[in-house]
Amino acid sequence: YSKITNPNSVHQCDLIEIPYDEDVDTGFSEEVAEAFKSIYNNPDNPLNWAQLLQYNQGHEFIGSVTLIMDEHNVNI
């Protein structure tokens, strides 16, 4: 990770409890994709759509999440 030089270019995700997060209590790809959209499209949130999204290969990141990342040119 020390070779990452551009802020917001790589994001990591997992469905865990974090104090500052988007509350997602599901394993369904459609709901996770909607949560990603609400996070990245929120004007009060400093995150931009990343160039690379790293995740734990959970099924909740397949399907709708893959499609939304493809729409925004995010490699997963």
N, C-alpha and C. Protein backbone atom coordinates (compact mmCIF):
# COMPACT_ATOMS: atom_id res chain seq x y z
N TYR A 1 0.81 -1.20 0.00
CA TYR A 1 0.00 0.00 0.00
C TYR A 1 0.85 1.26 0.00
N SER A 2 2.13 1.14 0.26
CA SER A 2 2.98 2.32 0.26
C SER A 2 3.19 2.87 -1.14
N LYS A 3 2.80 2.11 -2.17
CA LYS A 3 2.97 2.58 -3.54
C LYS A 3 1.75 3.35 -4.04
N ILE A 4 0.72 3.44 -3.24
CA ILE A 4 -0.47 4.21 -3.62
C ILE A 4 -0.16 5.68 -3.36
N THR A 5 -0.14 6.47 -4.43
CA THR A 5 0.24 7.88 -4.29
C THR A 5 -0.91 8.84 -4.55
N ASN A 6 -2.03 8.36 -5.07
CA ASN A 6 -3.17 9.23 -5.36
C ASN A 6 -4.27 9.00 -4.32
N PRO A 7 -4.64 10.04 -3.58
CA PRO A 7 -5.73 9.89 -2.63
C PRO A 7 -7.01 9.45 -3.34
N ASN A 8 -7.79 8.63 -2.68
CA ASN A 8 -9.07 8.15 -3.18
C ASN A 8 -8.96 7.24 -4.40
N SER A 9 -7.77 6.73 -4.72
CA SER A 9 -7.65 5.88 -5.90
C SER A 9 -7.93 4.41 -5.58
N VAL A 10 -7.70 4.00 -4.34
CA VAL A 10 -7.96 2.62 -3.93
C VAL A 10 -8.79 2.64 -2.66
N HIS A 11 -9.90 1.90 -2.67
CA HIS A 11 -10.74 1.76 -1.49
C HIS A 11 -10.85 0.28 -1.15
N GLN A 12 -10.98 0.00 0.14
CA GLN A 12 -11.22 -1.36 0.60
C GLN A 12 -12.57 -1.38 1.29
N CYS A 13 -13.26 -2.50 1.20
CA CYS A 13 -14.57 -2.57 1.84
C CYS A 13 -14.82 -3.96 2.40
N ASP A 14 -15.64 -3.98 3.43
CA ASP A 14 -16.15 -5.19 4.02
C ASP A 14 -17.38 -4.77 4.81
N LEU A 15 -18.26 -5.68 5.07
CA LEU A 15 -19.46 -5.35 5.84
C LEU A 15 -19.17 -5.62 7.31
N ILE A 16 -18.70 -4.57 8.01
CA ILE A 16 -18.37 -4.65 9.42
C ILE A 16 -18.93 -3.41 10.11
N GLU A 17 -18.94 -3.42 11.42
CA GLU A 17 -19.41 -2.27 12.20
C GLU A 17 -18.29 -1.24 12.29
N ILE A 18 -18.55 -0.03 11.83
CA ILE A 18 -17.61 1.08 11.87
C ILE A 18 -18.38 2.29 12.39
N PRO A 19 -17.78 3.11 13.26
CA PRO A 19 -18.52 4.23 13.82
C PRO A 19 -19.00 5.26 12.80
N TYR A 20 -18.26 5.49 11.73
CA TYR A 20 -18.64 6.46 10.71
C TYR A 20 -18.81 5.72 9.40
N ASP A 21 -20.03 5.28 9.14
CA ASP A 21 -20.25 4.45 7.96
C ASP A 21 -21.67 4.62 7.45
N GLU A 22 -21.94 3.96 6.37
CA GLU A 22 -23.30 3.84 5.85
C GLU A 22 -23.84 2.54 6.41
N ASP A 23 -24.95 2.59 7.14
CA ASP A 23 -25.50 1.42 7.80
C ASP A 23 -26.06 0.44 6.77
N VAL A 24 -25.37 -0.66 6.60
CA VAL A 24 -25.81 -1.70 5.67
C VAL A 24 -25.83 -3.01 6.45
N ASP A 25 -27.01 -3.52 6.69
CA ASP A 25 -27.14 -4.77 7.43
C ASP A 25 -27.77 -5.81 6.52
N THR A 26 -27.06 -6.14 5.46
CA THR A 26 -27.60 -7.07 4.48
C THR A 26 -26.47 -7.80 3.79
N GLY A 27 -26.80 -8.89 3.17
CA GLY A 27 -25.84 -9.60 2.34
C GLY A 27 -26.25 -9.57 0.89
N PHE A 28 -27.24 -8.71 0.56
CA PHE A 28 -27.76 -8.67 -0.79
C PHE A 28 -27.05 -7.61 -1.62
N SER A 29 -26.61 -8.00 -2.78
CA SER A 29 -25.83 -7.13 -3.66
C SER A 29 -26.58 -5.85 -4.02
N GLU A 30 -27.89 -5.93 -4.24
CA GLU A 30 -28.66 -4.74 -4.63
C GLU A 30 -28.61 -3.67 -3.54
N GLU A 31 -28.75 -4.10 -2.28
CA GLU A 31 -28.73 -3.14 -1.17
C GLU A 31 -27.33 -2.59 -0.94
N VAL A 32 -26.32 -3.42 -1.12
CA VAL A 32 -24.94 -2.96 -0.98
C VAL A 32 -24.61 -1.96 -2.08
N ALA A 33 -25.07 -2.22 -3.30
CA ALA A 33 -24.85 -1.29 -4.42
C ALA A 33 -25.51 0.05 -4.13
N GLU A 34 -26.72 0.04 -3.58
CA GLU A 34 -27.41 1.29 -3.23
C GLU A 34 -26.63 2.04 -2.15
N ALA A 35 -26.05 1.32 -1.20
CA ALA A 35 -25.25 1.96 -0.16
C ALA A 35 -24.01 2.62 -0.76
N PHE A 36 -23.35 1.94 -1.70
CA PHE A 36 -22.20 2.55 -2.37
C PHE A 36 -22.63 3.84 -3.07
N LYS A 37 -23.75 3.80 -3.78
CA LYS A 37 -24.22 5.01 -4.48
C LYS A 37 -24.50 6.13 -3.49
N SER A 38 -25.12 5.82 -2.35
CA SER A 38 -25.42 6.88 -1.39
C SER A 38 -24.16 7.45 -0.77
N ILE A 39 -23.14 6.63 -0.59
CA ILE A 39 -21.86 7.11 -0.05
C ILE A 39 -21.15 8.00 -1.07
N TYR A 40 -20.97 7.50 -2.28
CA TYR A 40 -20.19 8.23 -3.28
C TYR A 40 -20.93 9.42 -3.87
N ASN A 41 -22.24 9.40 -3.87
CA ASN A 41 -23.00 10.52 -4.44
C ASN A 41 -23.40 11.56 -3.40
N ASN A 42 -22.99 11.38 -2.16
CA ASN A 42 -23.29 12.33 -1.09
C ASN A 42 -22.33 13.51 -1.20
N PRO A 43 -22.84 14.73 -1.43
CA PRO A 43 -21.95 15.89 -1.58
C PRO A 43 -21.20 16.25 -0.29
N ASP A 44 -21.66 15.75 0.86
CA ASP A 44 -20.97 16.02 2.13
C ASP A 44 -19.88 15.00 2.43
N ASN A 45 -19.73 14.00 1.58
CA ASN A 45 -18.74 12.96 1.77
C ASN A 45 -17.54 13.25 0.87
N PRO A 46 -16.32 13.22 1.41
CA PRO A 46 -15.15 13.56 0.59
C PRO A 46 -14.69 12.44 -0.35
N LEU A 47 -15.32 11.28 -0.31
CA LEU A 47 -14.89 10.18 -1.17
C LEU A 47 -15.38 10.34 -2.59
N ASN A 48 -14.52 9.99 -3.53
CA ASN A 48 -14.87 9.92 -4.94
C ASN A 48 -14.90 8.45 -5.33
N TRP A 49 -15.51 8.15 -6.48
CA TRP A 49 -15.45 6.78 -6.99
C TRP A 49 -13.98 6.44 -7.20
N ALA A 50 -13.56 5.32 -6.65
CA ALA A 50 -12.15 4.91 -6.70
C ALA A 50 -11.78 4.37 -8.08
N GLN A 51 -10.50 4.17 -8.28
CA GLN A 51 -10.03 3.47 -9.48
C GLN A 51 -10.02 1.97 -9.23
N LEU A 52 -9.83 1.57 -7.97
CA LEU A 52 -9.75 0.17 -7.60
C LEU A 52 -10.50 -0.05 -6.29
N LEU A 53 -11.36 -1.05 -6.26
CA LEU A 53 -12.07 -1.45 -5.04
C LEU A 53 -11.61 -2.84 -4.66
N GLN A 54 -11.10 -2.97 -3.44
CA GLN A 54 -10.66 -4.27 -2.94
C GLN A 54 -11.68 -4.75 -1.91
N TYR A 55 -12.06 -6.01 -1.99
CA TYR A 55 -13.04 -6.55 -1.05
C TYR A 55 -12.71 -8.01 -0.75
N ASN A 56 -13.48 -8.61 0.14
CA ASN A 56 -13.16 -9.94 0.65
C ASN A 56 -13.79 -11.08 -0.14
N GLN A 57 -14.22 -10.87 -1.37
CA GLN A 57 -14.82 -11.88 -2.23
C GLN A 57 -16.16 -12.39 -1.72
N GLY A 58 -16.81 -11.61 -0.84
CA GLY A 58 -18.13 -12.00 -0.37
C GLY A 58 -19.16 -11.88 -1.48
N HIS A 59 -20.20 -12.70 -1.41
CA HIS A 59 -21.23 -12.71 -2.44
C HIS A 59 -22.00 -11.39 -2.51
N GLU A 60 -21.99 -10.62 -1.42
CA GLU A 60 -22.70 -9.34 -1.44
C GLU A 60 -22.04 -8.32 -2.36
N PHE A 61 -20.82 -8.59 -2.81
CA PHE A 61 -20.12 -7.67 -3.71
C PHE A 61 -20.17 -8.11 -5.17
N ILE A 62 -20.91 -9.17 -5.45
CA ILE A 62 -21.08 -9.68 -6.81
C ILE A 62 -22.44 -9.22 -7.33
N GLY A 63 -22.62 -9.16 -8.60
CA GLY A 63 -23.93 -8.80 -9.17
C GLY A 63 -24.10 -7.31 -9.30
N SER A 64 -25.02 -6.74 -8.54
CA SER A 64 -25.33 -5.31 -8.64
C SER A 64 -24.13 -4.43 -8.31
N VAL A 65 -23.33 -4.86 -7.35
CA VAL A 65 -22.13 -4.07 -7.00
C VAL A 65 -21.16 -4.06 -8.18
N THR A 66 -20.97 -5.20 -8.80
CA THR A 66 -20.09 -5.28 -9.98
C THR A 66 -20.59 -4.36 -11.08
N LEU A 67 -21.90 -4.36 -11.32
CA LEU A 67 -22.47 -3.50 -12.37
C LEU A 67 -22.26 -2.02 -12.07
N ILE A 68 -22.52 -1.59 -10.83
CA ILE A 68 -22.37 -0.17 -10.49
C ILE A 68 -20.90 0.25 -10.57
N MET A 69 -19.99 -0.64 -10.19
CA MET A 69 -18.57 -0.31 -10.29
C MET A 69 -18.15 -0.21 -11.75
N ASP A 70 -18.67 -1.09 -12.59
CA ASP A 70 -18.38 -1.01 -14.03
C ASP A 70 -18.88 0.31 -14.61
N GLU A 71 -20.05 0.77 -14.18
CA GLU A 71 -20.60 2.05 -14.67
C GLU A 71 -19.68 3.22 -14.36
N HIS A 72 -18.92 3.11 -13.26
CA HIS A 72 -18.04 4.20 -12.83
C HIS A 72 -16.57 3.89 -13.08
N ASN A 73 -16.31 2.90 -13.93
CA ASN A 73 -14.94 2.52 -14.30
C ASN A 73 -14.06 2.18 -13.11
N VAL A 74 -14.65 1.51 -12.12
CA VAL A 74 -13.91 1.07 -10.94
C VAL A 74 -13.54 -0.39 -11.15
N ASN A 75 -12.26 -0.69 -11.08
CA ASN A 75 -11.79 -2.07 -11.17
C ASN A 75 -11.99 -2.75 -9.83
N ILE A 76 -12.46 -4.00 -9.88
CA ILE A 76 -12.62 -4.74 -8.62
C ILE A 76 -11.94 -6.09 -8.74
